[in-house]
């Protein structure tokens, strides 16, 4: 099982450079490197939300990546010092809106909606009696239906869930804010733009030294932890960490040089 450790201290330094950059191209390069570095967070959230639905996880990760970019572009250190919390809300919101819109286009059979009411009631009853969430098998037995039907109901219900724009969240300095203040215009950054940036990143990675390419691919694309990479390559975890840091700095340089050509 890969860990999802992200160096938010390093991201914080890049965010400062991003906010202070006057040149839009330089801002875009910094944004791309931050996205690559924070992708483990996106994948963790995406996989958590995808557990009970049939959408390809990769599609949900792509959508979550758009939320991450919006977080980078809208982040204001003076409002919230914790970028991880800020990014988590926007990534989650982007994915939930995607799932909500998708379920709106797929009309579930009437029996599923009717069963949903009974499932919700039974979940409350069993939770009150036992003190914890009932399993799908328990619900199926109590309602005299199949586990497959229960999963279908839960899938539909999860897709309906949305984050309220009036939901109050708390920042690291205990300041209460509405999520409405944090969400970007949907036209500000979209999936098509993200795909274009992804192509640029992949092209830049291909220009790295083979050893640096290796750790970047294993860590950011194959979800291996630094310890796992160290074991696989027969080097120390510290060497992996140094290679990753060097690779990210070189990527920023490569992307910047590309614009000068």
C-alpha atoms as a PDB file:
ATOM      1  CA  UNK A   1       0.000   0.000   0.000  1.00  0.00           C
ATOM      2  CA  UNK A   2       1.522   3.311  -1.079  1.00  0.00           C
ATOM      3  CA  UNK A   3       1.587   6.226   1.293  1.00  0.00           C
ATOM      4  CA  UNK A   4       0.352   9.601   0.185  1.00  0.00           C
ATOM      5  CA  UNK A   5       2.934  11.831   1.820  1.00  0.00           C
ATOM      6  CA  UNK A   6       3.235  15.195   0.109  1.00  0.00           C
ATOM      7  CA  UNK A   7       5.875  17.755   1.004  1.00  0.00           C
ATOM      8  CA  UNK A   8       3.596  20.721   1.650  1.00  0.00           C
ATOM      9  CA  UNK A   9       6.484  22.776   3.054  1.00  0.00           C
ATOM     10  CA  UNK A  10       8.134  22.668  -0.352  1.00  0.00           C
ATOM     11  CA  UNK A  11       4.812  23.354  -2.059  1.00  0.00           C
ATOM     12  CA  UNK A  12       4.405  26.335   0.264  1.00  0.00           C
ATOM     13  CA  UNK A  13       7.665  27.815  -1.015  1.00  0.00           C
ATOM     14  CA  UNK A  14       6.594  27.313  -4.627  1.00  0.00           C
ATOM     15  CA  UNK A  15       3.224  28.890  -3.865  1.00  0.00           C
ATOM     16  CA  UNK A  16       4.986  32.014  -2.595  1.00  0.00           C
ATOM     17  CA  UNK A  17       6.962  32.192  -5.847  1.00  0.00           C
ATOM     18  CA  UNK A  18       3.758  31.569  -7.795  1.00  0.00           C
ATOM     19  CA  UNK A  19       1.868  34.378  -6.060  1.00  0.00           C
ATOM     20  CA  UNK A  20       4.748  36.834  -6.504  1.00  0.00           C
ATOM     21  CA  UNK A  21       5.577  35.925 -10.114  1.00  0.00           C
ATOM     22  CA  UNK A  22       4.863  38.723 -12.570  1.00  0.00           C
ATOM     23  CA  UNK A  23       5.318  36.622 -15.679  1.00  0.00           C
ATOM     24  CA  UNK A  24       2.323  34.409 -16.560  1.00  0.00           C
ATOM     25  CA  UNK A  25       4.509  31.776 -18.195  1.00  0.00           C
ATOM     26  CA  UNK A  26       6.588  31.437 -15.047  1.00  0.00           C
ATOM     27  CA  UNK A  27       3.397  31.148 -12.983  1.00  0.00           C
ATOM     28  CA  UNK A  28       2.206  28.373 -15.275  1.00  0.00           C
ATOM     29  CA  UNK A  29       5.474  26.450 -14.892  1.00  0.00           C
ATOM     30  CA  UNK A  30       5.309  26.697 -11.110  1.00  0.00           C
ATOM     31  CA  UNK A  31       1.672  25.615 -11.192  1.00  0.00           C
ATOM     32  CA  UNK A  32       2.538  22.500 -13.215  1.00  0.00           C
ATOM     33  CA  UNK A  33       5.285  21.464 -10.804  1.00  0.00           C
ATOM     34  CA  UNK A  34       2.993  22.011  -7.799  1.00  0.00           C
ATOM     35  CA  UNK A  35       0.295  19.891  -9.469  1.00  0.00           C
ATOM     36  CA  UNK A  36       2.752  17.055 -10.064  1.00  0.00           C
ATOM     37  CA  UNK A  37       3.998  17.207  -6.472  1.00  0.00           C
ATOM     38  CA  UNK A  38       0.492  17.269  -4.965  1.00  0.00           C
ATOM     39  CA  UNK A  39      -0.977  14.537  -7.187  1.00  0.00           C
ATOM     40  CA  UNK A  40      -0.791  11.906  -4.385  1.00  0.00           C
ATOM     41  CA  UNK A  41      -3.352  13.985  -2.460  1.00  0.00           C
ATOM     42  CA  UNK A  42      -5.660  14.089  -5.483  1.00  0.00           C
ATOM     43  CA  UNK A  43      -5.365  10.320  -5.958  1.00  0.00           C
ATOM     44  CA  UNK A  44      -6.094   9.633  -2.294  1.00  0.00           C
ATOM     45  CA  UNK A  45      -9.280  11.737  -2.373  1.00  0.00           C
ATOM     46  CA  UNK A  46     -10.366  10.377  -5.766  1.00  0.00           C
ATOM     47  CA  UNK A  47      -9.988   6.748  -4.727  1.00  0.00           C
ATOM     48  CA  UNK A  48     -11.836   7.400  -1.492  1.00  0.00           C
ATOM     49  CA  UNK A  49     -14.819   8.874  -3.332  1.00  0.00           C
ATOM     50  CA  UNK A  50     -14.747   6.231  -6.056  1.00  0.00           C
ATOM     51  CA  UNK A  51     -15.019   3.211  -3.769  1.00  0.00           C
ATOM     52  CA  UNK A  52     -18.742   2.784  -4.241  1.00  0.00           C
ATOM     53  CA  UNK A  53     -19.332   3.850  -7.805  1.00  0.00           C
ATOM     54  CA  UNK A  54     -18.533   2.502 -11.229  1.00  0.00           C
ATOM     55  CA  UNK A  55     -16.725   5.515 -12.690  1.00  0.00           C
ATOM     56  CA  UNK A  56     -13.149   4.810 -13.830  1.00  0.00           C
ATOM     57  CA  UNK A  57     -10.834   6.058 -11.091  1.00  0.00           C
ATOM     58  CA  UNK A  58      -8.589   7.734 -13.673  1.00  0.00           C
ATOM     59  CA  UNK A  59     -11.493   9.953 -14.798  1.00  0.00           C
ATOM     60  CA  UNK A  60     -12.140  11.014 -11.216  1.00  0.00           C
ATOM     61  CA  UNK A  61      -8.430  11.733 -10.675  1.00  0.00           C
ATOM     62  CA  UNK A  62      -8.437  13.969 -13.766  1.00  0.00           C
ATOM     63  CA  UNK A  63     -11.439  15.885 -12.430  1.00  0.00           C
ATOM     64  CA  UNK A  64      -9.813  16.177  -8.996  1.00  0.00           C
ATOM     65  CA  UNK A  65      -6.708  17.593 -10.669  1.00  0.00           C
ATOM     66  CA  UNK A  66      -8.781  20.474 -11.995  1.00  0.00           C
ATOM     67  CA  UNK A  67      -9.852  21.184  -8.417  1.00  0.00           C
ATOM     68  CA  UNK A  68      -6.195  21.194  -7.363  1.00  0.00           C
ATOM     69  CA  UNK A  69      -5.310  23.746 -10.037  1.00  0.00           C
ATOM     70  CA  UNK A  70      -8.188  25.954  -8.946  1.00  0.00           C
ATOM     71  CA  UNK A  71      -6.868  25.737  -5.387  1.00  0.00           C
ATOM     72  CA  UNK A  72      -3.417  26.859  -6.541  1.00  0.00           C
ATOM     73  CA  UNK A  73      -4.830  29.763  -8.522  1.00  0.00           C
ATOM     74  CA  UNK A  74      -7.224  30.985  -5.812  1.00  0.00           C
ATOM     75  CA  UNK A  75      -5.182  30.256  -2.692  1.00  0.00           C
ATOM     76  CA  UNK A  76      -4.673  33.244  -0.405  1.00  0.00           C
ATOM     77  CA  UNK A  77      -2.211  32.679   2.464  1.00  0.00           C
ATOM     78  CA  UNK A  78      -3.705  35.628   4.333  1.00  0.00           C
ATOM     79  CA  UNK A  79      -7.075  33.842   4.407  1.00  0.00           C
ATOM     80  CA  UNK A  80      -5.954  30.284   5.131  1.00  0.00           C
ATOM     81  CA  UNK A  81      -2.437  29.240   6.104  1.00  0.00           C
ATOM     82  CA  UNK A  82      -3.163  25.559   5.458  1.00  0.00           C
ATOM     83  CA  UNK A  83      -2.984  24.886   1.725  1.00  0.00           C
ATOM     84  CA  UNK A  84      -3.611  21.167   2.210  1.00  0.00           C
ATOM     85  CA  UNK A  85      -7.002  21.863   3.815  1.00  0.00           C
ATOM     86  CA  UNK A  86      -7.845  24.442   1.168  1.00  0.00           C
ATOM     87  CA  UNK A  87      -6.888  22.123  -1.692  1.00  0.00           C
ATOM     88  CA  UNK A  88      -8.737  19.180  -0.153  1.00  0.00           C
ATOM     89  CA  UNK A  89     -12.043  21.095  -0.150  1.00  0.00           C
ATOM     90  CA  UNK A  90     -11.725  22.208  -3.763  1.00  0.00           C
ATOM     91  CA  UNK A  91     -10.549  18.799  -5.014  1.00  0.00           C
ATOM     92  CA  UNK A  92     -13.395  17.071  -3.159  1.00  0.00           C
ATOM     93  CA  UNK A  93     -15.915  19.643  -4.364  1.00  0.00           C
ATOM     94  CA  UNK A  94     -14.855  19.275  -7.988  1.00  0.00           C
ATOM     95  CA  UNK A  95     -15.203  15.489  -7.825  1.00  0.00           C
ATOM     96  CA  UNK A  96     -18.549  15.568  -6.020  1.00  0.00           C
ATOM     97  CA  UNK A  97     -19.984  18.012  -8.536  1.00  0.00           C
ATOM     98  CA  UNK A  98     -18.778  15.763 -11.348  1.00  0.00           C
ATOM     99  CA  UNK A  99     -20.425  12.708  -9.768  1.00  0.00           C
ATOM    100  CA  UNK A 100     -23.612  14.667  -9.050  1.00  0.00           C
ATOM    101  CA  UNK A 101     -23.865  15.879 -12.644  1.00  0.00           C
ATOM    102  CA  UNK A 102     -23.175  12.405 -13.934  1.00  0.00           C
ATOM    103  CA  UNK A 103     -25.884  10.755 -11.860  1.00  0.00           C
ATOM    104  CA  UNK A 104     -28.342  13.435 -13.017  1.00  0.00           C
ATOM    105  CA  UNK A 105     -27.838  12.178 -16.563  1.00  0.00           C
ATOM    106  CA  UNK A 106     -28.344   8.540 -15.600  1.00  0.00           C
ATOM    107  CA  UNK A 107     -31.863   7.810 -14.426  1.00  0.00           C
ATOM    108  CA  UNK A 108     -31.909   4.918 -11.990  1.00  0.00           C
ATOM    109  CA  UNK A 109     -34.812   2.436 -12.050  1.00  0.00           C
ATOM    110  CA  UNK A 110     -37.774   3.453  -9.896  1.00  0.00           C
ATOM    111  CA  UNK A 111     -37.265   0.414  -7.670  1.00  0.00           C
ATOM    112  CA  UNK A 112     -33.816   1.722  -6.704  1.00  0.00           C
ATOM    113  CA  UNK A 113     -35.237   5.055  -5.543  1.00  0.00           C
ATOM    114  CA  UNK A 114     -37.955   3.249  -3.599  1.00  0.00           C
ATOM    115  CA  UNK A 115     -35.404   0.908  -2.031  1.00  0.00           C
ATOM    116  CA  UNK A 116     -33.192   3.879  -1.141  1.00  0.00           C
ATOM    117  CA  UNK A 117     -35.761   5.127   1.376  1.00  0.00           C
ATOM    118  CA  UNK A 118     -35.898   1.744   3.083  1.00  0.00           C
ATOM    119  CA  UNK A 119     -32.107   1.431   3.063  1.00  0.00           C
ATOM    120  CA  UNK A 120     -31.629   4.819   4.715  1.00  0.00           C
ATOM    121  CA  UNK A 121     -34.203   4.011   7.387  1.00  0.00           C
ATOM    122  CA  UNK A 122     -32.619   0.617   8.087  1.00  0.00           C
ATOM    123  CA  UNK A 123     -29.139   2.142   8.232  1.00  0.00           C
ATOM    124  CA  UNK A 124     -30.325   4.575  10.914  1.00  0.00           C
ATOM    125  CA  UNK A 125     -32.063   1.783  12.853  1.00  0.00           C
ATOM    126  CA  UNK A 126     -29.072  -0.577  12.818  1.00  0.00           C
ATOM    127  CA  UNK A 127     -26.635   2.203  13.595  1.00  0.00           C
ATOM    128  CA  UNK A 128     -28.679   3.220  16.656  1.00  0.00           C
ATOM    129  CA  UNK A 129     -28.866  -0.396  17.827  1.00  0.00           C
ATOM    130  CA  UNK A 130     -25.246  -1.368  17.183  1.00  0.00           C
ATOM    131  CA  UNK A 131     -23.403   1.933  17.422  1.00  0.00           C
ATOM    132  CA  UNK A 132     -21.655   1.619  14.046  1.00  0.00           C
ATOM    133  CA  UNK A 133     -22.389   1.593  10.321  1.00  0.00           C
ATOM    134  CA  UNK A 134     -24.078  -1.635   9.140  1.00  0.00           C
ATOM    135  CA  UNK A 135     -22.430  -3.594   6.335  1.00  0.00           C
ATOM    136  CA  UNK A 136     -24.014  -4.049   2.911  1.00  0.00           C
ATOM    137  CA  UNK A 137     -24.580  -7.729   3.750  1.00  0.00           C
ATOM    138  CA  UNK A 138     -26.438  -6.835   6.958  1.00  0.00           C
ATOM    139  CA  UNK A 139     -28.659  -4.379   5.102  1.00  0.00           C
ATOM    140  CA  UNK A 140     -29.429  -6.928   2.407  1.00  0.00           C
ATOM    141  CA  UNK A 141     -30.413  -9.554   4.982  1.00  0.00           C
ATOM    142  CA  UNK A 142     -32.623  -7.158   6.940  1.00  0.00           C
ATOM    143  CA  UNK A 143     -34.416  -5.900   3.821  1.00  0.00           C
ATOM    144  CA  UNK A 144     -34.632  -9.252   2.058  1.00  0.00           C
ATOM    145  CA  UNK A 145     -32.779  -8.143  -1.046  1.00  0.00           C
ATOM    146  CA  UNK A 146     -29.412  -8.782  -2.693  1.00  0.00           C
ATOM    147  CA  UNK A 147     -26.110  -7.171  -1.800  1.00  0.00           C
ATOM    148  CA  UNK A 148     -25.905  -6.012  -5.416  1.00  0.00           C
ATOM    149  CA  UNK A 149     -29.101  -3.970  -5.020  1.00  0.00           C
ATOM    150  CA  UNK A 150     -27.787  -2.430  -1.809  1.00  0.00           C
ATOM    151  CA  UNK A 151     -24.566  -1.422  -3.574  1.00  0.00           C
ATOM    152  CA  UNK A 152     -26.557   0.119  -6.409  1.00  0.00           C
ATOM    153  CA  UNK A 153     -28.621   2.170  -3.950  1.00  0.00           C
ATOM    154  CA  UNK A 154     -25.554   3.353  -2.051  1.00  0.00           C
ATOM    155  CA  UNK A 155     -23.868   4.240  -5.333  1.00  0.00           C
ATOM    156  CA  UNK A 156     -26.782   6.439  -6.395  1.00  0.00           C
ATOM    157  CA  UNK A 157     -27.006   8.064  -2.968  1.00  0.00           C
ATOM    158  CA  UNK A 158     -23.289   8.859  -2.844  1.00  0.00           C
ATOM    159  CA  UNK A 159     -23.399  10.442  -6.259  1.00  0.00           C
ATOM    160  CA  UNK A 160     -26.215  12.713  -5.124  1.00  0.00           C
ATOM    161  CA  UNK A 161     -24.157  14.123  -2.286  1.00  0.00           C
ATOM    162  CA  UNK A 162     -22.873  17.629  -2.874  1.00  0.00           C
ATOM    163  CA  UNK A 163     -20.941  20.077  -0.770  1.00  0.00           C
ATOM    164  CA  UNK A 164     -23.094  22.961   0.373  1.00  0.00           C
ATOM    165  CA  UNK A 165     -21.769  26.335  -0.712  1.00  0.00           C
ATOM    166  CA  UNK A 166     -22.835  27.639   2.684  1.00  0.00           C
ATOM    167  CA  UNK A 167     -20.878  24.967   4.563  1.00  0.00           C
ATOM    168  CA  UNK A 168     -18.622  26.585   7.124  1.00  0.00           C
ATOM    169  CA  UNK A 169     -15.058  25.378   7.304  1.00  0.00           C
ATOM    170  CA  UNK A 170     -12.360  26.318   9.778  1.00  0.00           C
ATOM    171  CA  UNK A 171      -8.897  27.437   8.777  1.00  0.00           C
ATOM    172  CA  UNK A 172      -5.703  26.745  10.692  1.00  0.00           C
ATOM    173  CA  UNK A 173      -6.098  30.020  12.577  1.00  0.00           C
ATOM    174  CA  UNK A 174      -9.675  29.100  13.626  1.00  0.00           C
ATOM    175  CA  UNK A 175     -11.236  31.553  11.215  1.00  0.00           C
ATOM    176  CA  UNK A 176     -14.642  30.411   9.918  1.00  0.00           C
ATOM    177  CA  UNK A 177     -15.208  30.736   6.192  1.00  0.00           C
ATOM    178  CA  UNK A 178     -17.923  29.734   3.757  1.00  0.00           C
ATOM    179  CA  UNK A 179     -16.902  27.270   1.071  1.00  0.00           C
ATOM    180  CA  UNK A 180     -18.686  29.594  -1.361  1.00  0.00           C
ATOM    181  CA  UNK A 181     -15.757  31.999  -0.955  1.00  0.00           C
ATOM    182  CA  UNK A 182     -13.306  29.321  -2.033  1.00  0.00           C
ATOM    183  CA  UNK A 183     -14.837  27.885  -5.196  1.00  0.00           C
ATOM    184  CA  UNK A 184     -13.614  29.092  -8.579  1.00  0.00           C
ATOM    185  CA  UNK A 185     -15.650  29.843 -11.666  1.00  0.00           C
ATOM    186  CA  UNK A 186     -15.974  26.574 -13.606  1.00  0.00           C
ATOM    187  CA  UNK A 187     -14.671  28.338 -16.711  1.00  0.00           C
ATOM    188  CA  UNK A 188     -11.494  29.476 -14.962  1.00  0.00           C
ATOM    189  CA  UNK A 189      -9.734  26.180 -15.507  1.00  0.00           C
ATOM    190  CA  UNK A 190     -11.103  23.055 -17.155  1.00  0.00           C
ATOM    191  CA  UNK A 191     -10.216  19.485 -17.993  1.00  0.00           C
ATOM    192  CA  UNK A 192      -9.092  20.332 -21.508  1.00  0.00           C
ATOM    193  CA  UNK A 193      -6.576  22.865 -20.202  1.00  0.00           C
ATOM    194  CA  UNK A 194      -5.339  20.336 -17.653  1.00  0.00           C
ATOM    195  CA  UNK A 195      -4.739  17.782 -20.428  1.00  0.00           C
ATOM    196  CA  UNK A 196      -2.632  20.317 -22.312  1.00  0.00           C
ATOM    197  CA  UNK A 197      -0.550  21.005 -19.206  1.00  0.00           C
ATOM    198  CA  UNK A 198      -0.182  17.272 -18.595  1.00  0.00           C
ATOM    199  CA  UNK A 199       1.340  16.854 -22.054  1.00  0.00           C
ATOM    200  CA  UNK A 200       3.862  19.590 -21.251  1.00  0.00           C
ATOM    201  CA  UNK A 201       4.802  17.896 -17.975  1.00  0.00           C
ATOM    202  CA  UNK A 202       5.228  14.487 -19.616  1.00  0.00           C
ATOM    203  CA  UNK A 203       7.402  16.006 -22.321  1.00  0.00           C
ATOM    204  CA  UNK A 204       9.567  17.712 -19.692  1.00  0.00           C
ATOM    205  CA  UNK A 205       9.921  14.468 -17.713  1.00  0.00           C
ATOM    206  CA  UNK A 206      11.185  12.693 -20.833  1.00  0.00           C
ATOM    207  CA  UNK A 207      14.103  15.147 -20.916  1.00  0.00           C
ATOM    208  CA  UNK A 208      15.316  14.235 -17.416  1.00  0.00           C
ATOM    209  CA  UNK A 209      18.236  11.933 -16.707  1.00  0.00           C
ATOM    210  CA  UNK A 210      17.067   8.289 -16.682  1.00  0.00           C
ATOM    211  CA  UNK A 211      17.610   7.931 -12.915  1.00  0.00           C
ATOM    212  CA  UNK A 212      15.530  11.029 -12.236  1.00  0.00           C
ATOM    213  CA  UNK A 213      12.809   9.917 -14.635  1.00  0.00           C
ATOM    214  CA  UNK A 214      12.649   6.609 -12.790  1.00  0.00           C
ATOM    215  CA  UNK A 215      11.904   8.058  -9.346  1.00  0.00           C
ATOM    216  CA  UNK A 216       9.396  10.570 -10.716  1.00  0.00           C
ATOM    217  CA  UNK A 217       7.417   7.897 -12.564  1.00  0.00           C
ATOM    218  CA  UNK A 218       7.485   5.463  -9.632  1.00  0.00           C
ATOM    219  CA  UNK A 219       6.477   8.095  -7.068  1.00  0.00           C
ATOM    220  CA  UNK A 220       3.982  10.280  -8.903  1.00  0.00           C
ATOM    221  CA  UNK A 221       2.536   7.913 -11.493  1.00  0.00           C
ATOM    222  CA  UNK A 222       2.811   4.455  -9.933  1.00  0.00           C
ATOM    223  CA  UNK A 223       2.026   5.668  -6.395  1.00  0.00           C
ATOM    224  CA  UNK A 224       5.079   4.083  -4.780  1.00  0.00           C
ATOM    225  CA  UNK A 225       6.323   5.570  -1.526  1.00  0.00           C
ATOM    226  CA  UNK A 226       9.913   6.719  -1.172  1.00  0.00           C
ATOM    227  CA  UNK A 227      10.659   3.665   0.975  1.00  0.00           C
ATOM    228  CA  UNK A 228       9.203   1.327  -1.648  1.00  0.00           C
ATOM    229  CA  UNK A 229      11.202   3.046  -4.382  1.00  0.00           C
ATOM    230  CA  UNK A 230      14.385   2.750  -2.308  1.00  0.00           C
ATOM    231  CA  UNK A 231      13.811  -0.989  -1.867  1.00  0.00           C
ATOM    232  CA  UNK A 232      13.062  -1.463  -5.563  1.00  0.00           C
ATOM    233  CA  UNK A 233      16.144   0.455  -6.744  1.00  0.00           C
ATOM    234  CA  UNK A 234      18.479  -0.733  -3.993  1.00  0.00           C
ATOM    235  CA  UNK A 235      19.272   2.757  -2.736  1.00  0.00           C
ATOM    236  CA  UNK A 236      18.485   4.667   0.450  1.00  0.00           C
ATOM    237  CA  UNK A 237      15.273   6.573   1.099  1.00  0.00           C
ATOM    238  CA  UNK A 238      17.367   9.733   1.447  1.00  0.00           C
ATOM    239  CA  UNK A 239      18.776   9.212  -2.050  1.00  0.00           C
ATOM    240  CA  UNK A 240      15.238   8.836  -3.404  1.00  0.00           C
ATOM    241  CA  UNK A 241      14.201  12.050  -1.665  1.00  0.00           C
ATOM    242  CA  UNK A 242      17.192  13.929  -3.111  1.00  0.00           C
ATOM    243  CA  UNK A 243      16.532  12.623  -6.617  1.00  0.00           C
ATOM    244  CA  UNK A 244      12.883  13.658  -6.427  1.00  0.00           C
ATOM    245  CA  UNK A 245      13.775  17.147  -5.266  1.00  0.00           C
ATOM    246  CA  UNK A 246      16.416  17.490  -7.982  1.00  0.00           C
ATOM    247  CA  UNK A 247      13.961  16.191 -10.590  1.00  0.00           C
ATOM    248  CA  UNK A 248      11.269  18.708  -9.639  1.00  0.00           C
ATOM    249  CA  UNK A 249      13.718  21.612  -9.731  1.00  0.00           C
ATOM    250  CA  UNK A 250      14.993  20.462 -13.129  1.00  0.00           C
ATOM    251  CA  UNK A 251      11.442  20.140 -14.441  1.00  0.00           C
ATOM    252  CA  UNK A 252      10.805  23.757 -13.563  1.00  0.00           C
ATOM    253  CA  UNK A 253      13.995  24.741 -15.399  1.00  0.00           C
ATOM    254  CA  UNK A 254      13.132  22.617 -18.445  1.00  0.00           C
ATOM    255  CA  UNK A 255       9.631  24.068 -18.657  1.00  0.00           C
ATOM    256  CA  UNK A 256      11.018  27.594 -18.368  1.00  0.00           C
ATOM    257  CA  UNK A 257      13.671  26.999 -21.027  1.00  0.00           C
ATOM    258  CA  UNK A 258      11.037  25.547 -23.362  1.00  0.00           C
ATOM    259  CA  UNK A 259       9.306  28.919 -23.539  1.00  0.00           C
ATOM    260  CA  UNK A 260      12.546  30.616 -24.620  1.00  0.00           C
ATOM    261  CA  UNK A 261      12.999  28.380 -27.652  1.00  0.00           C
END
